[in-house]
């Protein structure tokens, strides 16, 4: 399960702890244009099917992460390959400090919501159990509402 992480002063991203994998529940009902509906999974968290640069990615919604966080393998799949010198960011995680490369995603889309040129962090290696949908996307929304087992993004 993802744990909240703290930013290191001067850094701008976070990394997760551990995420348990569970079976997916029934899909959320269709959302009106300009919004998205998510259903809480059996693990107690909200997951989203997101298009990152046009590629479908399941992400964990993490309001405690300051930005979208992906690992190097996913970044490479998206055509993003930061050079070694780009890993200038540092975040504190439950597992200790972690280095990341600040990048920008051309497009992030969930149902009827799309944002362009979104900040993200690429974490070294493959230690990220699931990509995180953090505040670099969530803070662009007008409203995030949780009612029972549903999260609505608008």
C-alpha atoms as a PDB file:
ATOM      1  CA  UNK A   1       0.000   0.000   0.000  1.00  0.00           C
ATOM      2  CA  UNK A   2       1.359   3.391  -0.916  1.00  0.00           C
ATOM      3  CA  UNK A   3       2.516   5.504   1.975  1.00  0.00           C
ATOM      4  CA  UNK A   4       2.742   9.271   2.083  1.00  0.00           C
ATOM      5  CA  UNK A   5       6.203  10.606   1.318  1.00  0.00           C
ATOM      6  CA  UNK A   6       7.843  13.902   2.128  1.00  0.00           C
ATOM      7  CA  UNK A   7       9.621  16.140  -0.307  1.00  0.00           C
ATOM      8  CA  UNK A   8      13.237  16.954   0.262  1.00  0.00           C
ATOM      9  CA  UNK A   9      13.642  20.754   0.310  1.00  0.00           C
ATOM     10  CA  UNK A  10      14.450  21.847  -3.234  1.00  0.00           C
ATOM     11  CA  UNK A  11      13.113  18.613  -4.750  1.00  0.00           C
ATOM     12  CA  UNK A  12       9.836  18.347  -6.593  1.00  0.00           C
ATOM     13  CA  UNK A  13       8.636  14.729  -6.615  1.00  0.00           C
ATOM     14  CA  UNK A  14       7.875  11.793  -4.404  1.00  0.00           C
ATOM     15  CA  UNK A  15       8.087   8.039  -4.674  1.00  0.00           C
ATOM     16  CA  UNK A  16       5.861   5.298  -3.293  1.00  0.00           C
ATOM     17  CA  UNK A  17       6.373   2.620  -0.743  1.00  0.00           C
ATOM     18  CA  UNK A  18       4.661  -0.672  -1.574  1.00  0.00           C
ATOM     19  CA  UNK A  19       1.448  -1.347  -3.460  1.00  0.00           C
ATOM     20  CA  UNK A  20      -0.367  -4.659  -3.150  1.00  0.00           C
ATOM     21  CA  UNK A  21      -1.851  -6.038  -6.321  1.00  0.00           C
ATOM     22  CA  UNK A  22      -5.468  -7.158  -6.289  1.00  0.00           C
ATOM     23  CA  UNK A  23      -8.154  -8.129  -8.736  1.00  0.00           C
ATOM     24  CA  UNK A  24      -9.879  -5.258 -10.526  1.00  0.00           C
ATOM     25  CA  UNK A  25     -13.499  -4.472  -9.592  1.00  0.00           C
ATOM     26  CA  UNK A  26     -16.319  -3.787 -11.990  1.00  0.00           C
ATOM     27  CA  UNK A  27     -15.645  -0.726 -14.153  1.00  0.00           C
ATOM     28  CA  UNK A  28     -16.836   2.695 -13.059  1.00  0.00           C
ATOM     29  CA  UNK A  29     -19.957   4.054 -14.740  1.00  0.00           C
ATOM     30  CA  UNK A  30     -19.437   6.285 -17.759  1.00  0.00           C
ATOM     31  CA  UNK A  31     -18.589   9.853 -16.765  1.00  0.00           C
ATOM     32  CA  UNK A  32     -19.886  12.984 -18.470  1.00  0.00           C
ATOM     33  CA  UNK A  33     -17.493  14.917 -20.708  1.00  0.00           C
ATOM     34  CA  UNK A  34     -14.900  16.806 -18.686  1.00  0.00           C
ATOM     35  CA  UNK A  35     -15.047  14.376 -15.770  1.00  0.00           C
ATOM     36  CA  UNK A  36     -13.971  10.903 -14.711  1.00  0.00           C
ATOM     37  CA  UNK A  37     -15.480   8.373 -12.301  1.00  0.00           C
ATOM     38  CA  UNK A  38     -13.228   5.956 -10.395  1.00  0.00           C
ATOM     39  CA  UNK A  39     -14.287   3.043  -8.179  1.00  0.00           C
ATOM     40  CA  UNK A  40     -12.362   2.150  -5.026  1.00  0.00           C
ATOM     41  CA  UNK A  41     -10.589  -1.169  -5.488  1.00  0.00           C
ATOM     42  CA  UNK A  42     -10.457  -4.047  -3.013  1.00  0.00           C
ATOM     43  CA  UNK A  43      -7.063  -2.735  -1.827  1.00  0.00           C
ATOM     44  CA  UNK A  44      -8.845   0.403  -0.541  1.00  0.00           C
ATOM     45  CA  UNK A  45      -7.264   2.710  -3.136  1.00  0.00           C
ATOM     46  CA  UNK A  46      -8.486   4.412  -6.268  1.00  0.00           C
ATOM     47  CA  UNK A  47      -6.850   3.353  -9.527  1.00  0.00           C
ATOM     48  CA  UNK A  48      -7.277   5.064 -12.880  1.00  0.00           C
ATOM     49  CA  UNK A  49      -6.878   3.912 -16.464  1.00  0.00           C
ATOM     50  CA  UNK A  50      -4.844   6.781 -17.864  1.00  0.00           C
ATOM     51  CA  UNK A  51      -3.510   7.586 -21.314  1.00  0.00           C
ATOM     52  CA  UNK A  52       0.043   8.893 -20.882  1.00  0.00           C
ATOM     53  CA  UNK A  53       1.334  10.227 -24.192  1.00  0.00           C
ATOM     54  CA  UNK A  54      -1.322   8.038 -25.841  1.00  0.00           C
ATOM     55  CA  UNK A  55      -0.307   4.809 -24.021  1.00  0.00           C
ATOM     56  CA  UNK A  56      -2.789   3.105 -21.654  1.00  0.00           C
ATOM     57  CA  UNK A  57      -1.390   2.867 -18.116  1.00  0.00           C
ATOM     58  CA  UNK A  58      -3.040   1.796 -14.859  1.00  0.00           C
ATOM     59  CA  UNK A  59      -2.083   4.300 -12.156  1.00  0.00           C
ATOM     60  CA  UNK A  60      -2.633   4.615  -8.430  1.00  0.00           C
ATOM     61  CA  UNK A  61      -4.279   7.920  -7.485  1.00  0.00           C
ATOM     62  CA  UNK A  62      -1.961   9.386  -4.822  1.00  0.00           C
ATOM     63  CA  UNK A  63      -2.882  12.839  -3.560  1.00  0.00           C
ATOM     64  CA  UNK A  64       0.221  12.740  -1.349  1.00  0.00           C
ATOM     65  CA  UNK A  65       2.569  12.556  -4.332  1.00  0.00           C
ATOM     66  CA  UNK A  66       3.543  16.004  -5.578  1.00  0.00           C
ATOM     67  CA  UNK A  67       3.658  14.840  -9.187  1.00  0.00           C
ATOM     68  CA  UNK A  68       3.083  11.936 -11.528  1.00  0.00           C
ATOM     69  CA  UNK A  69       5.750   9.317 -10.846  1.00  0.00           C
ATOM     70  CA  UNK A  70       6.755   6.598 -13.323  1.00  0.00           C
ATOM     71  CA  UNK A  71       9.650   4.145 -13.493  1.00  0.00           C
ATOM     72  CA  UNK A  72      12.321   3.899 -16.198  1.00  0.00           C
ATOM     73  CA  UNK A  73      10.646   0.977 -17.994  1.00  0.00           C
ATOM     74  CA  UNK A  74       7.369   2.869 -18.402  1.00  0.00           C
ATOM     75  CA  UNK A  75       9.227   6.029 -19.364  1.00  0.00           C
ATOM     76  CA  UNK A  76      11.037   4.102 -22.114  1.00  0.00           C
ATOM     77  CA  UNK A  77       7.691   2.694 -23.336  1.00  0.00           C
ATOM     78  CA  UNK A  78       6.483   6.312 -23.581  1.00  0.00           C
ATOM     79  CA  UNK A  79       9.596   7.292 -25.551  1.00  0.00           C
ATOM     80  CA  UNK A  80      11.212   9.086 -22.599  1.00  0.00           C
ATOM     81  CA  UNK A  81      14.820   8.136 -21.855  1.00  0.00           C
ATOM     82  CA  UNK A  82      16.410  10.626 -19.459  1.00  0.00           C
ATOM     83  CA  UNK A  83      20.218  10.681 -19.561  1.00  0.00           C
ATOM     84  CA  UNK A  84      22.058   9.818 -16.342  1.00  0.00           C
ATOM     85  CA  UNK A  85      22.767  13.520 -15.792  1.00  0.00           C
ATOM     86  CA  UNK A  86      18.992  14.264 -15.657  1.00  0.00           C
ATOM     87  CA  UNK A  87      18.491  12.429 -12.341  1.00  0.00           C
ATOM     88  CA  UNK A  88      18.821  15.596 -10.305  1.00  0.00           C
ATOM     89  CA  UNK A  89      15.694  15.385  -8.140  1.00  0.00           C
ATOM     90  CA  UNK A  90      15.607  13.729  -4.748  1.00  0.00           C
ATOM     91  CA  UNK A  91      12.565  12.574  -2.833  1.00  0.00           C
ATOM     92  CA  UNK A  92      12.162  11.031   0.601  1.00  0.00           C
ATOM     93  CA  UNK A  93      10.172   7.836   0.567  1.00  0.00           C
ATOM     94  CA  UNK A  94       9.246   5.299   3.221  1.00  0.00           C
ATOM     95  CA  UNK A  95      12.182   3.273   1.874  1.00  0.00           C
ATOM     96  CA  UNK A  96      14.640   6.171   2.110  1.00  0.00           C
ATOM     97  CA  UNK A  97      15.851   8.793  -0.383  1.00  0.00           C
ATOM     98  CA  UNK A  98      15.257   8.184  -4.091  1.00  0.00           C
ATOM     99  CA  UNK A  99      16.605   9.989  -7.160  1.00  0.00           C
ATOM    100  CA  UNK A 100      14.381  10.975 -10.062  1.00  0.00           C
ATOM    101  CA  UNK A 101      14.627  12.759 -13.385  1.00  0.00           C
ATOM    102  CA  UNK A 102      12.147  15.629 -13.829  1.00  0.00           C
ATOM    103  CA  UNK A 103      10.337  15.277 -17.178  1.00  0.00           C
ATOM    104  CA  UNK A 104       7.180  16.575 -18.847  1.00  0.00           C
ATOM    105  CA  UNK A 105       4.453  14.397 -20.310  1.00  0.00           C
ATOM    106  CA  UNK A 106       2.977  15.660 -23.559  1.00  0.00           C
ATOM    107  CA  UNK A 107      -0.499  14.401 -22.629  1.00  0.00           C
ATOM    108  CA  UNK A 108      -2.315  12.911 -19.631  1.00  0.00           C
ATOM    109  CA  UNK A 109      -5.915  11.811 -20.246  1.00  0.00           C
ATOM    110  CA  UNK A 110      -8.531  10.170 -18.015  1.00  0.00           C
ATOM    111  CA  UNK A 111     -11.935   9.749 -19.657  1.00  0.00           C
ATOM    112  CA  UNK A 112     -13.080  13.280 -20.609  1.00  0.00           C
ATOM    113  CA  UNK A 113     -10.194  15.086 -18.875  1.00  0.00           C
ATOM    114  CA  UNK A 114      -6.964  15.846 -20.704  1.00  0.00           C
ATOM    115  CA  UNK A 115      -3.992  17.932 -19.655  1.00  0.00           C
ATOM    116  CA  UNK A 116      -0.916  18.715 -21.732  1.00  0.00           C
ATOM    117  CA  UNK A 117       2.716  19.355 -20.792  1.00  0.00           C
ATOM    118  CA  UNK A 118       2.343  17.833 -17.312  1.00  0.00           C
ATOM    119  CA  UNK A 119       5.346  17.603 -14.936  1.00  0.00           C
ATOM    120  CA  UNK A 120       6.367  14.087 -13.909  1.00  0.00           C
ATOM    121  CA  UNK A 121       9.295  12.279 -12.336  1.00  0.00           C
ATOM    122  CA  UNK A 122      11.082   9.208 -13.667  1.00  0.00           C
ATOM    123  CA  UNK A 123      12.360   7.020 -10.827  1.00  0.00           C
ATOM    124  CA  UNK A 124      15.477   4.946 -11.343  1.00  0.00           C
ATOM    125  CA  UNK A 125      15.104   1.218 -11.844  1.00  0.00           C
ATOM    126  CA  UNK A 126      11.946  -0.803 -11.566  1.00  0.00           C
ATOM    127  CA  UNK A 127      11.238  -0.444  -7.843  1.00  0.00           C
ATOM    128  CA  UNK A 128       7.982   1.410  -8.439  1.00  0.00           C
ATOM    129  CA  UNK A 129       5.176  -1.174  -8.075  1.00  0.00           C
ATOM    130  CA  UNK A 130       2.651   1.070  -9.832  1.00  0.00           C
ATOM    131  CA  UNK A 131       2.859   4.523 -11.442  1.00  0.00           C
ATOM    132  CA  UNK A 132       1.420   7.316  -9.291  1.00  0.00           C
ATOM    133  CA  UNK A 133      -1.091   9.892 -10.427  1.00  0.00           C
ATOM    134  CA  UNK A 134      -0.044  12.785  -8.212  1.00  0.00           C
ATOM    135  CA  UNK A 135      -0.651  16.497  -7.734  1.00  0.00           C
ATOM    136  CA  UNK A 136       0.931  17.654 -11.014  1.00  0.00           C
ATOM    137  CA  UNK A 137      -2.290  16.308 -12.571  1.00  0.00           C
ATOM    138  CA  UNK A 138      -4.758  16.367  -9.664  1.00  0.00           C
ATOM    139  CA  UNK A 139      -4.117  20.040  -8.838  1.00  0.00           C
ATOM    140  CA  UNK A 140      -5.246  21.044 -12.345  1.00  0.00           C
ATOM    141  CA  UNK A 141      -8.769  19.799 -11.627  1.00  0.00           C
ATOM    142  CA  UNK A 142     -11.603  21.993 -10.394  1.00  0.00           C
ATOM    143  CA  UNK A 143     -12.918  19.348  -8.024  1.00  0.00           C
ATOM    144  CA  UNK A 144     -12.067  15.905  -6.649  1.00  0.00           C
ATOM    145  CA  UNK A 145     -14.931  14.316  -4.714  1.00  0.00           C
ATOM    146  CA  UNK A 146     -15.078  11.027  -2.838  1.00  0.00           C
ATOM    147  CA  UNK A 147     -18.494   9.665  -1.999  1.00  0.00           C
ATOM    148  CA  UNK A 148     -18.538   6.146  -0.599  1.00  0.00           C
ATOM    149  CA  UNK A 149     -16.685   3.908  -3.022  1.00  0.00           C
ATOM    150  CA  UNK A 150     -16.553   6.456  -5.880  1.00  0.00           C
ATOM    151  CA  UNK A 151     -14.136   9.241  -6.716  1.00  0.00           C
ATOM    152  CA  UNK A 152     -15.228  11.899  -9.197  1.00  0.00           C
ATOM    153  CA  UNK A 153     -12.640  14.041 -10.967  1.00  0.00           C
ATOM    154  CA  UNK A 154     -13.893  17.255 -12.581  1.00  0.00           C
END
